[in-house]
């Protein structure tokens, strides 16, 4: 049951992200962006719910990539806070690589 609940949450977040979320620097909504092109400054330019969506997407991407099926909310929250701090120090760094460092 917990796996199904997690699956639906990830599915909803991915759908929200794919259906209309654009980053301030993206420009053309129709042009797809590679996740590896997402920079810290792109994430920092977002705020509130949009930033939470981006961070949830990045966390989900890294969890899927690693094959990890366990979610520890406190660990993800700390990694998100550390990610923002790291991005403030180097706004031109790759967002996914920066978050990955915070999770290790």
Protein backbone atom coordinates (compact mmCIF):
# COMPACT_ATOMS: atom_id res chain seq x y z
CA UNK A 1 0.00 0.00 0.00
CA UNK A 2 2.83 2.40 0.87
CA UNK A 3 4.55 1.67 -2.45
CA UNK A 4 1.33 2.41 -4.33
CA UNK A 5 0.88 5.67 -2.41
CA UNK A 6 4.48 6.67 -3.20
CA UNK A 7 3.99 5.74 -6.86
CA UNK A 8 0.93 7.99 -7.15
CA UNK A 9 2.69 10.90 -5.43
CA UNK A 10 5.65 10.65 -7.81
CA UNK A 11 3.27 10.31 -10.75
CA UNK A 12 1.34 13.43 -9.72
CA UNK A 13 4.49 15.47 -9.18
CA UNK A 14 5.93 14.36 -12.49
CA UNK A 15 2.66 15.20 -14.23
CA UNK A 16 2.61 18.66 -12.68
CA UNK A 17 6.18 19.23 -13.71
CA UNK A 18 5.66 17.99 -17.26
CA UNK A 19 2.33 19.71 -17.84
CA UNK A 20 3.25 23.29 -17.38
CA UNK A 21 6.08 24.08 -15.07
CA UNK A 22 8.68 26.20 -16.80
CA UNK A 23 11.75 27.71 -15.30
CA UNK A 24 12.31 31.44 -15.53
CA UNK A 25 15.30 30.90 -17.81
CA UNK A 26 13.59 28.35 -20.03
CA UNK A 27 12.16 30.91 -22.43
CA UNK A 28 10.22 28.83 -24.96
CA UNK A 29 7.70 26.56 -23.20
CA UNK A 30 7.60 24.16 -26.14
CA UNK A 31 11.33 23.54 -26.14
CA UNK A 32 12.23 20.58 -23.91
CA UNK A 33 15.14 20.91 -21.52
CA UNK A 34 17.63 18.28 -20.54
CA UNK A 35 17.79 17.81 -16.78
CA UNK A 36 21.59 18.09 -17.03
CA UNK A 37 21.22 21.66 -18.37
CA UNK A 38 19.36 22.80 -15.24
CA UNK A 39 21.63 25.10 -13.24
CA UNK A 40 21.42 26.11 -9.61
CA UNK A 41 20.53 29.66 -10.64
CA UNK A 42 17.49 28.30 -12.53
CA UNK A 43 16.24 26.67 -9.33
CA UNK A 44 17.08 29.72 -7.21
CA UNK A 45 15.05 31.93 -9.55
CA UNK A 46 11.93 29.95 -8.69
CA UNK A 47 10.15 30.35 -5.39
CA UNK A 48 7.47 28.87 -3.22
CA UNK A 49 5.52 26.00 -4.69
CA UNK A 50 7.43 26.06 -7.98
CA UNK A 51 10.73 25.54 -6.18
CA UNK A 52 9.21 22.72 -4.13
CA UNK A 53 8.08 21.04 -7.35
CA UNK A 54 11.53 21.31 -8.91
CA UNK A 55 13.18 19.91 -5.78
CA UNK A 56 10.65 17.07 -5.57
CA UNK A 57 11.28 16.23 -9.21
CA UNK A 58 15.07 16.26 -8.71
CA UNK A 59 14.79 14.11 -5.58
CA UNK A 60 12.53 11.67 -7.43
CA UNK A 61 14.89 11.53 -10.38
CA UNK A 62 17.86 10.74 -8.14
CA UNK A 63 15.90 8.16 -6.14
CA UNK A 64 14.83 6.40 -9.33
CA UNK A 65 18.35 6.57 -10.75
CA UNK A 66 19.82 5.00 -7.62
CA UNK A 67 17.16 2.32 -7.38
CA UNK A 68 16.47 3.40 -3.80
CA UNK A 69 12.90 2.77 -2.71
CA UNK A 70 13.13 4.23 0.77
CA UNK A 71 12.18 7.84 1.50
CA UNK A 72 13.32 9.57 4.65
CA UNK A 73 11.58 12.94 4.80
CA UNK A 74 14.03 14.47 7.27
CA UNK A 75 16.99 13.42 5.12
CA UNK A 76 15.37 14.85 1.97
CA UNK A 77 14.49 18.09 3.76
CA UNK A 78 18.07 18.49 5.01
CA UNK A 79 19.43 17.71 1.53
CA UNK A 80 17.10 20.35 0.06
CA UNK A 81 18.28 22.96 2.57
CA UNK A 82 21.93 22.03 1.94
CA UNK A 83 21.27 22.15 -1.81
CA UNK A 84 19.99 25.74 -1.59
CA UNK A 85 23.03 26.77 0.47
CA UNK A 86 25.41 25.09 -1.99
CA UNK A 87 23.63 26.74 -4.93
CA UNK A 88 23.93 30.16 -3.31
CA UNK A 89 27.69 29.57 -3.24
CA UNK A 90 27.91 28.49 -6.90
CA UNK A 91 24.90 29.53 -8.96
CA UNK A 92 26.37 28.19 -12.21
CA UNK A 93 26.76 24.61 -10.98
CA UNK A 94 24.61 21.83 -12.38
CA UNK A 95 21.54 21.44 -10.14
CA UNK A 96 21.27 17.65 -10.33
CA UNK A 97 24.97 17.15 -9.50
CA UNK A 98 24.72 19.62 -6.60
CA UNK A 99 21.73 17.83 -5.10
CA UNK A 100 23.39 14.45 -5.60
CA UNK A 101 26.35 15.63 -3.50
CA UNK A 102 23.99 16.69 -0.73
CA UNK A 103 22.37 13.24 -0.63
CA UNK A 104 25.69 11.40 -0.30
